[in-house]
Amino acid sequence: MSVTLLADVANQVEKFWSPLFMPQLMQSALLPSLVNKDYEGDIKKGGNTVRVSQVNRPVAELKTIGVDAESFSSSLLSTSYIDIVANKRITASYEMEDVLELQSQVGQNNPAIMRALMEAVEIKLNEYLFSFIAPSASAPDHITTGVTDFNAAALLAERNKASAARWDKMKPWYGLVSSSYYGDLLAASTLTSSDYIGAENPVVAGQIAKQRFGFNLLEDNSDALVGLGSTGSDAGLFFHPDFLHLVMQRQPTFQVSSLHSNKQHGVLISVDLIVGAALGINGNVKHTTVINS
């Protein structure tokens, strides 16, 4: 007796796109959510400029009543500022043969393609912001090299640098550390045991932060962070949010369009975001880096 096998009717079996996606491994993109974004939404179109200013402090005088306190000298009001130009456009897109393929992939309950596009934009934005990392190399040096074990002593050294640079404590301080450095921290009992530290940890950028020595510590497995070091995978970035300013549209722009105008059958789906960034006022001393190289 003959048995019909699947191979015998393979050409007659309809092929459907699976509605299930295996989630792609996602690298961290934490920095964009932690830097200063006070001017988010101020960008109307590409090329817009945002000016960030601060009033410089005058020098006060101390005089003695009955001696020289009857008069005082004044200072001219001066300001410092930086201009941030939104001249970068980040775009991610897919091109598909026909609308049926798009409809089979993007359903009301399956926004996998939209999510993949947004993740691509987030990763590229993260890389863009890391390109501004430029801590001061003059005294005090904010670049630490040759750190093989990022333990409590190494973390305390970064805290001392932040204090010496008079980082404003009205905003939280952050530390992004690579997976290897984060493992070093977890292995240090003085940084993990409840005998030494409190039990409450805030949630920052969807991750539970460990508050140690004034920093909110977060694991960052992005290629951009690891790229700070010349060798290996040991790297850390410690910063005050005002070290870097990010301006961008409040919402990215999604578009789905036909390729018919190009005499093609197909659909193009894209997302784009207009952004701009610049180091803040005295931004070079408001962040530090630690690497093993």
Protein backbone atom coordinates (compact mmCIF):
# COMPACT_ATOMS: atom_id res chain seq x y z
CA MET A 1 0.00 0.00 0.00
CA SER A 2 1.32 3.43 -0.90
CA VAL A 3 1.29 6.25 1.62
CA THR A 4 1.20 9.86 0.54
CA LEU A 5 3.98 11.74 2.27
CA LEU A 6 4.23 15.44 2.88
CA ALA A 7 7.11 15.65 0.39
CA ASP A 8 4.80 14.37 -2.34
CA VAL A 9 2.46 17.34 -1.98
CA ALA A 10 4.98 19.96 -0.89
CA ASN A 11 4.15 22.22 -3.83
CA GLN A 12 0.48 22.24 -2.88
CA VAL A 13 1.02 23.20 0.74
CA GLU A 14 0.27 26.86 1.30
CA LYS A 15 2.95 28.83 3.08
CA PHE A 16 1.95 31.37 5.71
CA TRP A 17 4.06 33.83 7.63
CA SER A 18 4.11 32.80 11.26
CA PRO A 19 2.38 35.35 13.51
CA LEU A 20 4.90 34.53 16.23
CA PHE A 21 8.30 36.17 16.43
CA MET A 22 11.29 35.09 18.44
CA PRO A 23 12.40 38.28 20.25
CA GLN A 24 15.75 39.51 18.99
CA LEU A 25 18.48 39.96 21.56
CA MET A 26 18.37 43.63 22.51
CA GLN A 27 21.33 45.65 23.67
CA SER A 28 20.80 48.37 26.25
CA ALA A 29 20.08 51.91 25.16
CA LEU A 30 19.99 53.65 28.54
CA LEU A 31 21.88 56.89 27.99
CA PRO A 32 19.14 58.66 25.93
CA SER A 33 16.69 58.27 28.81
CA LEU A 34 19.07 59.63 31.45
CA VAL A 35 20.69 62.77 30.00
CA ASN A 36 19.12 66.24 30.17
CA LYS A 37 16.04 66.40 27.89
CA ASP A 38 14.47 69.59 29.26
CA TYR A 39 13.99 70.83 25.70
CA GLU A 40 12.36 67.71 24.30
CA GLY A 41 9.53 68.72 22.01
CA ASP A 42 10.94 72.19 21.26
CA ILE A 43 12.11 70.93 17.87
CA LYS A 44 9.62 71.67 15.09
CA LYS A 45 11.79 70.77 12.11
CA GLY A 46 15.31 69.74 11.24
CA GLY A 47 17.87 72.47 11.71
CA ASN A 48 16.12 74.17 14.64
CA THR A 49 18.46 75.52 17.32
CA VAL A 50 17.93 75.46 21.07
CA ARG A 51 20.04 77.72 23.30
CA VAL A 52 20.78 76.57 26.85
CA SER A 53 21.98 79.38 29.11
CA GLN A 54 23.08 79.87 32.68
CA VAL A 55 23.76 83.05 34.70
CA ASN A 56 27.31 83.12 36.00
CA ARG A 57 27.75 83.81 39.72
CA PRO A 58 29.28 87.15 40.78
CA VAL A 59 32.02 87.31 43.42
CA ALA A 60 30.63 88.42 46.80
CA GLU A 61 32.46 90.83 49.12
CA LEU A 62 33.04 90.63 52.86
CA LYS A 63 33.51 93.98 54.62
CA THR A 64 33.51 95.25 58.20
CA ILE A 65 30.84 97.62 59.48
CA GLY A 66 32.38 100.88 60.64
CA VAL A 67 35.47 100.26 58.55
CA ASP A 68 34.67 99.78 54.87
CA ALA A 69 31.07 98.47 54.70
CA GLU A 70 29.60 101.79 53.51
CA SER A 71 30.35 100.97 49.89
CA PHE A 72 30.48 97.94 47.62
CA SER A 73 31.49 97.16 44.08
CA SER A 74 29.28 95.57 41.46
CA SER A 75 29.85 92.97 38.79
CA LEU A 76 28.63 92.84 35.24
CA LEU A 77 25.98 90.21 34.67
CA SER A 78 27.37 87.53 32.39
CA THR A 79 25.99 84.28 31.02
CA SER A 80 27.32 81.07 29.57
CA TYR A 81 25.42 79.19 26.91
CA ILE A 82 25.56 76.39 24.39
CA ASP A 83 23.62 76.05 21.16
CA ILE A 84 22.16 72.67 20.24
CA VAL A 85 21.25 72.18 16.59
CA ALA A 86 18.79 69.44 15.69
CA ASN A 87 20.57 68.51 12.49
CA LYS A 88 20.55 64.72 12.78
CA ARG A 89 17.87 62.42 11.42
CA ILE A 90 17.75 58.78 12.45
CA THR A 91 15.80 56.49 10.13
CA ALA A 92 15.04 52.79 10.06
CA SER A 93 12.90 51.13 7.39
CA TYR A 94 11.70 47.93 5.76
CA GLU A 95 10.76 47.39 2.13
CA MET A 96 8.25 44.64 1.35
CA GLU A 97 7.04 43.17 -1.90
CA ASP A 98 3.37 43.77 -1.33
CA VAL A 99 0.87 44.98 1.19
CA LEU A 100 -0.26 41.45 2.03
CA GLU A 101 3.17 40.70 3.46
CA LEU A 102 2.96 43.80 5.60
CA GLN A 103 -0.54 42.97 6.78
CA SER A 104 0.52 39.45 7.74
CA GLN A 105 3.36 40.77 9.86
CA VAL A 106 1.89 43.85 11.50
CA GLY A 107 -1.37 43.06 13.19
CA GLN A 108 -3.23 44.74 15.98
CA ASN A 109 -1.84 42.22 18.44
CA ASN A 110 1.57 41.77 16.84
CA PRO A 111 3.55 45.03 16.55
CA ALA A 112 6.81 43.15 16.03
CA ILE A 113 7.96 45.17 13.02
CA MET A 114 7.17 48.49 14.68
CA ARG A 115 9.08 47.39 17.76
CA ALA A 116 12.09 46.30 15.69
CA LEU A 117 12.16 49.65 13.89
CA MET A 118 12.02 51.58 17.15
CA GLU A 119 14.74 49.45 18.72
CA ALA A 120 16.98 50.17 15.72
CA VAL A 121 16.40 53.91 16.17
CA GLU A 122 17.07 53.69 19.92
CA ILE A 123 20.36 51.85 19.39
CA LYS A 124 21.53 54.38 16.80
CA LEU A 125 20.52 57.28 19.10
CA ASN A 126 22.48 55.67 21.93
CA GLU A 127 25.57 55.37 19.69
CA TYR A 128 25.16 59.02 18.65
CA LEU A 129 25.11 60.22 22.26
CA PHE A 130 28.14 58.12 23.18
CA SER A 131 30.07 59.92 20.43
CA PHE A 132 29.98 63.03 22.68
CA ILE A 133 31.78 61.33 25.56
CA ALA A 134 34.84 63.53 26.19
CA PRO A 135 35.74 63.80 29.89
CA SER A 136 38.39 66.25 31.01
CA ALA A 137 41.91 64.87 30.75
CA SER A 138 43.49 67.72 32.72
CA ALA A 139 43.76 67.98 36.50
CA PRO A 140 41.65 66.57 37.91
CA ASP A 141 41.75 63.81 35.30
CA HIS A 142 38.29 62.35 34.73
CA ILE A 143 39.59 59.38 32.74
CA THR A 144 40.60 56.26 34.67
CA THR A 145 42.39 53.40 32.92
CA GLY A 146 43.81 50.04 33.94
CA VAL A 147 40.91 49.05 36.22
CA THR A 148 40.62 45.25 36.12
CA ASP A 149 38.33 44.85 39.15
CA PHE A 150 35.62 47.47 39.55
CA ASN A 151 35.14 47.12 43.30
CA ALA A 152 34.07 49.45 46.10
CA ALA A 153 37.40 51.30 46.06
CA ALA A 154 37.12 51.98 42.33
CA LEU A 155 33.54 53.20 42.71
CA LEU A 156 34.52 55.44 45.62
CA ALA A 157 37.26 56.98 43.47
CA GLU A 158 34.64 58.03 40.89
CA ARG A 159 32.45 59.45 43.65
CA ASN A 160 35.38 61.54 44.90
CA LYS A 161 35.91 62.95 41.42
CA ALA A 162 32.25 63.91 41.19
CA SER A 163 32.38 65.63 44.56
CA ALA A 164 35.57 67.51 43.67
CA ALA A 165 33.91 68.74 40.47
CA ARG A 166 30.93 69.95 42.57
CA TRP A 167 28.25 67.99 40.75
CA ASP A 168 24.82 69.34 41.60
CA LYS A 169 23.03 66.99 44.02
CA MET A 170 19.57 68.25 43.11
CA LYS A 171 19.56 65.70 40.29
CA PRO A 172 20.50 62.02 40.55
CA TRP A 173 23.93 60.80 39.49
CA TYR A 174 24.22 57.75 37.27
CA GLY A 175 26.74 55.04 36.57
CA LEU A 176 26.46 52.82 33.49
CA VAL A 177 28.77 49.82 33.76
CA SER A 178 29.47 46.95 31.41
CA SER A 179 28.38 43.44 32.32
CA SER A 180 31.86 42.46 33.51
CA TYR A 181 32.16 45.50 35.79
CA TYR A 182 28.61 44.95 37.03
CA GLY A 183 29.61 41.42 37.96
CA ASP A 184 32.53 42.84 39.95
CA LEU A 185 30.11 45.03 41.88
CA LEU A 186 27.76 42.13 42.59
CA ALA A 187 30.70 40.11 43.93
CA ALA A 188 31.61 42.82 46.46
CA SER A 189 29.73 42.02 49.69
CA THR A 190 30.07 45.60 50.95
CA LEU A 191 28.05 46.71 47.92
CA THR A 192 25.40 43.99 47.92
CA SER A 193 24.85 42.70 51.45
CA SER A 194 21.89 44.16 53.36
CA ASP A 195 24.25 44.35 56.35
CA TYR A 196 25.95 47.28 54.62
CA ILE A 197 23.32 48.88 52.39
CA GLY A 198 19.60 49.57 52.33
CA ALA A 199 17.12 47.29 50.63
CA GLU A 200 15.20 49.86 48.54
CA ASN A 201 16.30 50.40 44.94
CA PRO A 202 14.66 52.77 42.44
CA VAL A 203 13.58 51.68 38.97
CA VAL A 204 15.46 53.66 36.33
CA ALA A 205 14.87 53.17 32.58
CA GLY A 206 13.02 49.92 33.29
CA GLN A 207 15.89 48.50 35.34
CA ILE A 208 16.29 48.28 39.09
CA ALA A 209 19.17 50.59 39.97
CA LYS A 210 21.57 49.93 42.79
CA GLN A 211 22.19 53.10 44.77
CA ARG A 212 25.80 53.11 45.92
CA PHE A 213 28.03 56.01 46.97
CA GLY A 214 25.61 58.55 45.48
CA PHE A 215 25.27 56.82 42.10
CA ASN A 216 22.34 54.96 40.58
CA LEU A 217 24.21 52.02 39.08
CA LEU A 218 22.83 50.29 35.98
CA GLU A 219 24.14 47.46 33.83
CA ASP A 220 24.68 48.56 30.22
CA ASN A 221 25.53 45.86 27.70
CA SER A 222 25.52 48.16 24.67
CA ASP A 223 28.33 48.09 22.12
CA ALA A 224 28.62 51.86 22.54
CA LEU A 225 29.65 51.58 26.20
CA VAL A 226 32.07 48.73 25.65
CA GLY A 227 33.55 50.76 22.79
CA LEU A 228 34.90 53.30 25.28
CA GLY A 229 37.75 50.91 26.02
CA SER A 230 40.44 49.99 23.54
CA THR A 231 40.57 46.36 24.67
CA GLY A 232 38.34 43.92 26.48
CA SER A 233 34.80 44.58 27.66
CA ASP A 234 35.44 46.47 30.91
CA ALA A 235 33.98 49.98 30.77
CA GLY A 236 31.99 52.40 32.90
CA LEU A 237 30.47 55.85 32.42
CA PHE A 238 29.57 58.00 35.45
CA PHE A 239 27.75 61.26 34.95
CA HIS A 240 25.45 64.05 36.05
CA PRO A 241 22.47 64.36 33.65
CA ASP A 242 23.48 67.91 32.70
CA PHE A 243 26.75 66.73 31.18
CA LEU A 244 24.89 66.19 27.91
CA HIS A 245 21.80 67.84 26.43
CA LEU A 246 19.54 66.00 24.00
CA VAL A 247 16.86 67.76 21.95
CA MET A 248 14.45 65.82 19.79
CA GLN A 249 10.93 65.55 18.54
CA ARG A 250 8.51 64.41 21.19
CA GLN A 251 7.33 61.54 18.99
CA PRO A 252 9.00 59.68 16.12
CA THR A 253 7.31 59.76 12.71
CA PHE A 254 5.98 56.49 11.27
CA GLN A 255 5.14 56.25 7.58
CA VAL A 256 3.76 53.51 5.37
CA SER A 257 3.77 54.25 1.65
CA SER A 258 3.39 52.49 -1.67
CA LEU A 259 6.30 52.15 -4.09
CA HIS A 260 3.92 52.53 -7.01
CA SER A 261 5.31 55.96 -7.90
CA ASN A 262 8.62 54.20 -8.62
CA LYS A 263 6.77 51.78 -10.90
CA GLN A 264 7.23 49.07 -8.30
CA HIS A 265 4.83 46.81 -6.49
CA GLY A 266 5.66 47.03 -2.85
CA VAL A 267 5.34 48.86 0.43
CA LEU A 268 7.86 50.88 2.41
CA ILE A 269 7.46 51.28 6.17
CA SER A 270 9.78 53.62 8.05
CA VAL A 271 10.29 55.50 11.29
CA ASP A 272 12.42 58.59 11.66
CA LEU A 273 13.40 60.92 14.47
CA ILE A 274 15.05 64.35 14.33
CA VAL A 275 17.56 64.91 17.13
CA GLY A 276 20.48 67.04 18.20
CA ALA A 277 22.89 66.90 21.12
CA ALA A 278 25.75 68.82 22.67
CA LEU A 279 27.92 68.65 25.77
CA GLY A 280 26.48 70.81 28.53
CA ILE A 281 28.12 73.82 30.15
CA ASN A 282 31.24 72.42 31.87
CA GLY A 283 30.09 69.05 30.58
CA ASN A 284 33.65 67.73 30.35
CA VAL A 285 33.92 67.67 34.16
CA LYS A 286 30.38 66.39 34.72
CA HIS A 287 31.20 62.89 33.52
CA THR A 288 33.97 60.37 34.06
CA THR A 289 34.99 57.15 32.35
CA VAL A 290 36.61 53.99 33.67
CA ILE A 291 38.12 51.35 31.40
CA ASN A 292 40.52 48.44 31.53
CA SER A 293 43.10 49.04 28.83
